[in-house]
Amino acid sequence: MPKKARVDSDACIGCGLCVGSHPEIFEFDPDGKAVAVNEGEDADVEDAVASCPVGAISEE
């Protein structure tokens, strides 16, 4: 079942781990911060949440 991710732009440092690991879900905004643009598979969203070094990604 697809899940939606949310990125806290205030917490995001733009490291690119989520964009590099899951480009089908995340991309960079004009300020160089990640933004969730698509839903993703459960495991992919959970991986992005767990992998974010500053905890800026959550599940909606």
PDB file of N, CA and C in Angstrom:
ATOM      1  N   MET A   1       0.841  -1.179   0.000  1.00  0.00           N
ATOM      2  CA  MET A   1       0.000   0.000   0.000  1.00  0.00           C
ATOM      3  C   MET A   1       0.886   1.243   0.000  1.00  0.00           C
ATOM      4  N   PRO A   2       0.665   2.157  -0.896  1.00  0.00           N
ATOM      5  CA  PRO A   2       1.505   3.359  -0.948  1.00  0.00           C
ATOM      6  C   PRO A   2       1.343   4.239   0.285  1.00  0.00           C
ATOM      7  N   LYS A   3       2.451   4.834   0.679  1.00  0.00           N
ATOM      8  CA  LYS A   3       2.456   5.765   1.799  1.00  0.00           C
ATOM      9  C   LYS A   3       2.932   7.112   1.308  1.00  0.00           C
ATOM     10  N   LYS A   4       2.512   8.146   2.005  1.00  0.00           N
ATOM     11  CA  LYS A   4       2.950   9.495   1.680  1.00  0.00           C
ATOM     12  C   LYS A   4       3.974   9.939   2.718  1.00  0.00           C
ATOM     13  N   ALA A   5       5.049  10.533   2.235  1.00  0.00           N
ATOM     14  CA  ALA A   5       6.081  11.070   3.114  1.00  0.00           C
ATOM     15  C   ALA A   5       5.924  12.582   3.205  1.00  0.00           C
ATOM     16  N   ARG A   6       6.395  13.137   4.296  1.00  0.00           N
ATOM     17  CA  ARG A   6       6.400  14.581   4.490  1.00  0.00           C
ATOM     18  C   ARG A   6       7.796  14.990   4.920  1.00  0.00           C
ATOM     19  N   VAL A   7       8.288  16.093   4.361  1.00  0.00           N
ATOM     20  CA  VAL A   7       9.606  16.611   4.720  1.00  0.00           C
ATOM     21  C   VAL A   7       9.427  17.934   5.448  1.00  0.00           C
ATOM     22  N   ASP A   8      10.011  18.033   6.629  1.00  0.00           N
ATOM     23  CA  ASP A   8      10.021  19.284   7.389  1.00  0.00           C
ATOM     24  C   ASP A   8      11.126  20.158   6.797  1.00  0.00           C
ATOM     25  N   SER A   9      10.747  21.164   6.029  1.00  0.00           N
ATOM     26  CA  SER A   9      11.742  21.981   5.326  1.00  0.00           C
ATOM     27  C   SER A   9      12.614  22.781   6.290  1.00  0.00           C
ATOM     28  N   ASP A  10      12.122  23.059   7.488  1.00  0.00           N
ATOM     29  CA  ASP A  10      12.951  23.761   8.470  1.00  0.00           C
ATOM     30  C   ASP A  10      14.060  22.870   9.008  1.00  0.00           C
ATOM     31  N   ALA A  11      13.797  21.566   9.089  1.00  0.00           N
ATOM     32  CA  ALA A  11      14.791  20.627   9.610  1.00  0.00           C
ATOM     33  C   ALA A  11      15.719  20.086   8.523  1.00  0.00           C
ATOM     34  N   CYS A  12      15.239  20.052   7.278  1.00  0.00           N
ATOM     35  CA  CYS A  12      16.017  19.476   6.178  1.00  0.00           C
ATOM     36  C   CYS A  12      17.308  20.260   5.948  1.00  0.00           C
ATOM     37  N   ILE A  13      18.415  19.515   5.808  1.00  0.00           N
ATOM     38  CA  ILE A  13      19.711  20.143   5.536  1.00  0.00           C
ATOM     39  C   ILE A  13      20.140  19.961   4.075  1.00  0.00           C
ATOM     40  N   GLY A  14      19.297  19.315   3.289  1.00  0.00           N
ATOM     41  CA  GLY A  14      19.592  19.146   1.869  1.00  0.00           C
ATOM     42  C   GLY A  14      20.724  18.188   1.583  1.00  0.00           C
ATOM     43  N   CYS A  15      20.913  17.184   2.425  1.00  0.00           N
ATOM     44  CA  CYS A  15      22.032  16.255   2.227  1.00  0.00           C
ATOM     45  C   CYS A  15      21.854  15.384   0.988  1.00  0.00           C
ATOM     46  N   GLY A  16      20.605  15.151   0.576  1.00  0.00           N
ATOM     47  CA  GLY A  16      20.343  14.400  -0.646  1.00  0.00           C
ATOM     48  C   GLY A  16      20.225  12.906  -0.490  1.00  0.00           C
ATOM     49  N   LEU A  17      20.318  12.395   0.723  1.00  0.00           N
ATOM     50  CA  LEU A  17      20.223  10.949   0.911  1.00  0.00           C
ATOM     51  C   LEU A  17      18.877  10.415   0.430  1.00  0.00           C
ATOM     52  N   CYS A  18      17.805  11.085   0.769  1.00  0.00           N
ATOM     53  CA  CYS A  18      16.474  10.618   0.348  1.00  0.00           C
ATOM     54  C   CYS A  18      16.295  10.735  -1.164  1.00  0.00           C
ATOM     55  N   VAL A  19      16.755  11.840  -1.737  1.00  0.00           N
ATOM     56  CA  VAL A  19      16.633  12.043  -3.181  1.00  0.00           C
ATOM     57  C   VAL A  19      17.461  11.000  -3.935  1.00  0.00           C
ATOM     58  N   GLY A  20      18.644  10.726  -3.449  1.00  0.00           N
ATOM     59  CA  GLY A  20      19.504   9.736  -4.095  1.00  0.00           C
ATOM     60  C   GLY A  20      19.002   8.320  -3.948  1.00  0.00           C
ATOM     61  N   SER A  21      18.427   8.001  -2.788  1.00  0.00           N
ATOM     62  CA  SER A  21      17.955   6.644  -2.523  1.00  0.00           C
ATOM     63  C   SER A  21      16.570   6.374  -3.097  1.00  0.00           C
ATOM     64  N   HIS A  22      15.729   7.412  -3.123  1.00  0.00           N
ATOM     65  CA  HIS A  22      14.344   7.223  -3.555  1.00  0.00           C
ATOM     66  C   HIS A  22      13.898   8.386  -4.443  1.00  0.00           C
ATOM     67  N   PRO A  23      14.508   8.505  -5.629  1.00  0.00           N
ATOM     68  CA  PRO A  23      14.178   9.631  -6.513  1.00  0.00           C
ATOM     69  C   PRO A  23      12.749   9.592  -7.050  1.00  0.00           C
ATOM     70  N   GLU A  24      12.103   8.446  -6.931  1.00  0.00           N
ATOM     71  CA  GLU A  24      10.710   8.356  -7.358  1.00  0.00           C
ATOM     72  C   GLU A  24       9.769   9.020  -6.349  1.00  0.00           C
ATOM     73  N   ILE A  25      10.270   9.291  -5.138  1.00  0.00           N
ATOM     74  CA  ILE A  25       9.459   9.903  -4.078  1.00  0.00           C
ATOM     75  C   ILE A  25       9.880  11.345  -3.809  1.00  0.00           C
ATOM     76  N   PHE A  26      11.190  11.597  -3.814  1.00  0.00           N
ATOM     77  CA  PHE A  26      11.719  12.900  -3.398  1.00  0.00           C
ATOM     78  C   PHE A  26      12.458  13.619  -4.517  1.00  0.00           C
ATOM     79  N   GLU A  27      12.435  14.930  -4.452  1.00  0.00           N
ATOM     80  CA  GLU A  27      13.286  15.756  -5.316  1.00  0.00           C
ATOM     81  C   GLU A  27      13.649  17.010  -4.523  1.00  0.00           C
ATOM     82  N   PHE A  28      14.565  17.781  -5.063  1.00  0.00           N
ATOM     83  CA  PHE A  28      14.976  19.031  -4.415  1.00  0.00           C
ATOM     84  C   PHE A  28      14.085  20.178  -4.858  1.00  0.00           C
ATOM     85  N   ASP A  29      13.794  21.068  -3.929  1.00  0.00           N
ATOM     86  CA  ASP A  29      13.087  22.300  -4.281  1.00  0.00           C
ATOM     87  C   ASP A  29      14.127  23.341  -4.708  1.00  0.00           C
ATOM     88  N   PRO A  30      13.722  24.511  -5.141  1.00  0.00           N
ATOM     89  CA  PRO A  30      14.681  25.528  -5.596  1.00  0.00           C
ATOM     90  C   PRO A  30      15.684  25.983  -4.526  1.00  0.00           C
ATOM     91  N   ASP A  31      15.348  25.763  -3.250  1.00  0.00           N
ATOM     92  CA  ASP A  31      16.257  26.133  -2.161  1.00  0.00           C
ATOM     93  C   ASP A  31      17.220  25.017  -1.793  1.00  0.00           C
ATOM     94  N   GLY A  32      17.165  23.891  -2.509  1.00  0.00           N
ATOM     95  CA  GLY A  32      18.065  22.783  -2.236  1.00  0.00           C
ATOM     96  C   GLY A  32      17.607  21.882  -1.105  1.00  0.00           C
ATOM     97  N   LYS A  33      16.352  22.001  -0.722  1.00  0.00           N
ATOM     98  CA  LYS A  33      15.794  21.149   0.324  1.00  0.00           C
ATOM     99  C   LYS A  33      14.948  20.064  -0.336  1.00  0.00           C
ATOM    100  N   ALA A  34      14.850  18.923   0.324  1.00  0.00           N
ATOM    101  CA  ALA A  34      14.058  17.821  -0.215  1.00  0.00           C
ATOM    102  C   ALA A  34      12.572  18.100  -0.045  1.00  0.00           C
ATOM    103  N   VAL A  35      11.808  17.581  -0.977  1.00  0.00           N
ATOM    104  CA  VAL A  35      10.354  17.647  -0.911  1.00  0.00           C
ATOM    105  C   VAL A  35       9.816  16.325  -1.446  1.00  0.00           C
ATOM    106  N   ALA A  36       8.764  15.812  -0.798  1.00  0.00           N
ATOM    107  CA  ALA A  36       8.129  14.579  -1.255  1.00  0.00           C
ATOM    108  C   ALA A  36       7.149  14.935  -2.365  1.00  0.00           C
ATOM    109  N   VAL A  37       7.356  14.359  -3.539  1.00  0.00           N
ATOM    110  CA  VAL A  37       6.517  14.684  -4.691  1.00  0.00           C
ATOM    111  C   VAL A  37       5.583  13.552  -5.086  1.00  0.00           C
ATOM    112  N   ASN A  38       5.831  12.358  -4.582  1.00  0.00           N
ATOM    113  CA  ASN A  38       4.995  11.195  -4.892  1.00  0.00           C
ATOM    114  C   ASN A  38       4.873  10.311  -3.667  1.00  0.00           C
ATOM    115  N   GLU A  39       3.825   9.498  -3.662  1.00  0.00           N
ATOM    116  CA  GLU A  39       3.737   8.458  -2.653  1.00  0.00           C
ATOM    117  C   GLU A  39       4.754   7.380  -3.004  1.00  0.00           C
ATOM    118  N   GLY A  40       5.068   6.535  -2.035  1.00  0.00           N
ATOM    119  CA  GLY A  40       6.016   5.462  -2.285  1.00  0.00           C
ATOM    120  C   GLY A  40       5.587   4.182  -1.605  1.00  0.00           C
ATOM    121  N   GLU A  41       6.268   3.124  -1.945  1.00  0.00           N
ATOM    122  CA  GLU A  41       6.016   1.843  -1.291  1.00  0.00           C
ATOM    123  C   GLU A  41       6.316   1.975   0.197  1.00  0.00           C
ATOM    124  N   ASP A  42       5.606   1.204   1.002  1.00  0.00           N
ATOM    125  CA  ASP A  42       5.780   1.258   2.455  1.00  0.00           C
ATOM    126  C   ASP A  42       7.248   1.191   2.858  1.00  0.00           C
ATOM    127  N   ALA A  43       7.956   0.204   2.346  1.00  0.00           N
ATOM    128  CA  ALA A  43       9.347  -0.016   2.732  1.00  0.00           C
ATOM    129  C   ALA A  43      10.235   1.160   2.332  1.00  0.00           C
ATOM    130  N   ASP A  44       9.968   1.779   1.189  1.00  0.00           N
ATOM    131  CA  ASP A  44      10.783   2.899   0.732  1.00  0.00           C
ATOM    132  C   ASP A  44      10.575   4.129   1.604  1.00  0.00           C
ATOM    133  N   VAL A  45       9.325   4.411   1.970  1.00  0.00           N
ATOM    134  CA  VAL A  45       9.045   5.557   2.831  1.00  0.00           C
ATOM    135  C   VAL A  45       9.636   5.309   4.219  1.00  0.00           C
ATOM    136  N   GLU A  46       9.471   4.100   4.730  1.00  0.00           N
ATOM    137  CA  GLU A  46      10.024   3.766   6.040  1.00  0.00           C
ATOM    138  C   GLU A  46      11.544   3.872   6.035  1.00  0.00           C
ATOM    139  N   ASP A  47      12.184   3.459   4.946  1.00  0.00           N
ATOM    140  CA  ASP A  47      13.637   3.574   4.823  1.00  0.00           C
ATOM    141  C   ASP A  47      14.061   5.031   4.831  1.00  0.00           C
ATOM    142  N   ALA A  48      13.347   5.877   4.105  1.00  0.00           N
ATOM    143  CA  ALA A  48      13.688   7.302   4.065  1.00  0.00           C
ATOM    144  C   ALA A  48      13.537   7.939   5.441  1.00  0.00           C
ATOM    145  N   VAL A  49      12.471   7.588   6.151  1.00  0.00           N
ATOM    146  CA  VAL A  49      12.265   8.119   7.506  1.00  0.00           C
ATOM    147  C   VAL A  49      13.428   7.705   8.410  1.00  0.00           C
ATOM    148  N   ALA A  50      13.794   6.438   8.357  1.00  0.00           N
ATOM    149  CA  ALA A  50      14.856   5.922   9.220  1.00  0.00           C
ATOM    150  C   ALA A  50      16.234   6.432   8.842  1.00  0.00           C
ATOM    151  N   SER A  51      16.430   6.751   7.561  1.00  0.00           N
ATOM    152  CA  SER A  51      17.758   7.132   7.071  1.00  0.00           C
ATOM    153  C   SER A  51      18.068   8.623   7.178  1.00  0.00           C
ATOM    154  N   CYS A  52      17.058   9.451   7.320  1.00  0.00           N
ATOM    155  CA  CYS A  52      17.291  10.901   7.346  1.00  0.00           C
ATOM    156  C   CYS A  52      18.147  11.255   8.566  1.00  0.00           C
ATOM    157  N   PRO A  53      19.318  11.864   8.347  1.00  0.00           N
ATOM    158  CA  PRO A  53      20.222  12.127   9.474  1.00  0.00           C
ATOM    159  C   PRO A  53      19.719  13.172  10.461  1.00  0.00           C
ATOM    160  N   VAL A  54      18.737  13.969  10.069  1.00  0.00           N
ATOM    161  CA  VAL A  54      18.218  14.992  10.985  1.00  0.00           C
ATOM    162  C   VAL A  54      16.749  14.767  11.341  1.00  0.00           C
ATOM    163  N   GLY A  55      16.189  13.641  10.925  1.00  0.00           N
ATOM    164  CA  GLY A  55      14.809  13.316  11.268  1.00  0.00           C
ATOM    165  C   GLY A  55      13.782  14.245  10.637  1.00  0.00           C
ATOM    166  N   ALA A  56      14.082  14.749   9.449  1.00  0.00           N
ATOM    167  CA  ALA A  56      13.182  15.696   8.788  1.00  0.00           C
ATOM    168  C   ALA A  56      12.059  15.022   8.014  1.00  0.00           C
ATOM    169  N   ILE A  57      12.095  13.707   7.852  1.00  0.00           N
ATOM    170  CA  ILE A  57      11.088  12.996   7.078  1.00  0.00           C
ATOM    171  C   ILE A  57      10.173  12.218   8.017  1.00  0.00           C
ATOM    172  N   SER A  58       8.888  12.311   7.745  1.00  0.00           N
ATOM    173  CA  SER A  58       7.902  11.547   8.515  1.00  0.00           C
ATOM    174  C   SER A  58       6.882  10.975   7.547  1.00  0.00           C
ATOM    175  N   GLU A  59       6.080  10.032   8.037  1.00  0.00           N
ATOM    176  CA  GLU A  59       4.996   9.454   7.251  1.00  0.00           C
ATOM    177  C   GLU A  59       3.724  10.221   7.542  1.00  0.00           C
ATOM    178  N   GLU A  60       2.926  10.421   6.504  1.00  0.00           N
ATOM    179  CA  GLU A  60       1.616  11.049   6.714  1.00  0.00           C
ATOM    180  C   GLU A  60       0.556   9.991   6.803  1.00  0.00           C
TER     181      GLU A  60
END
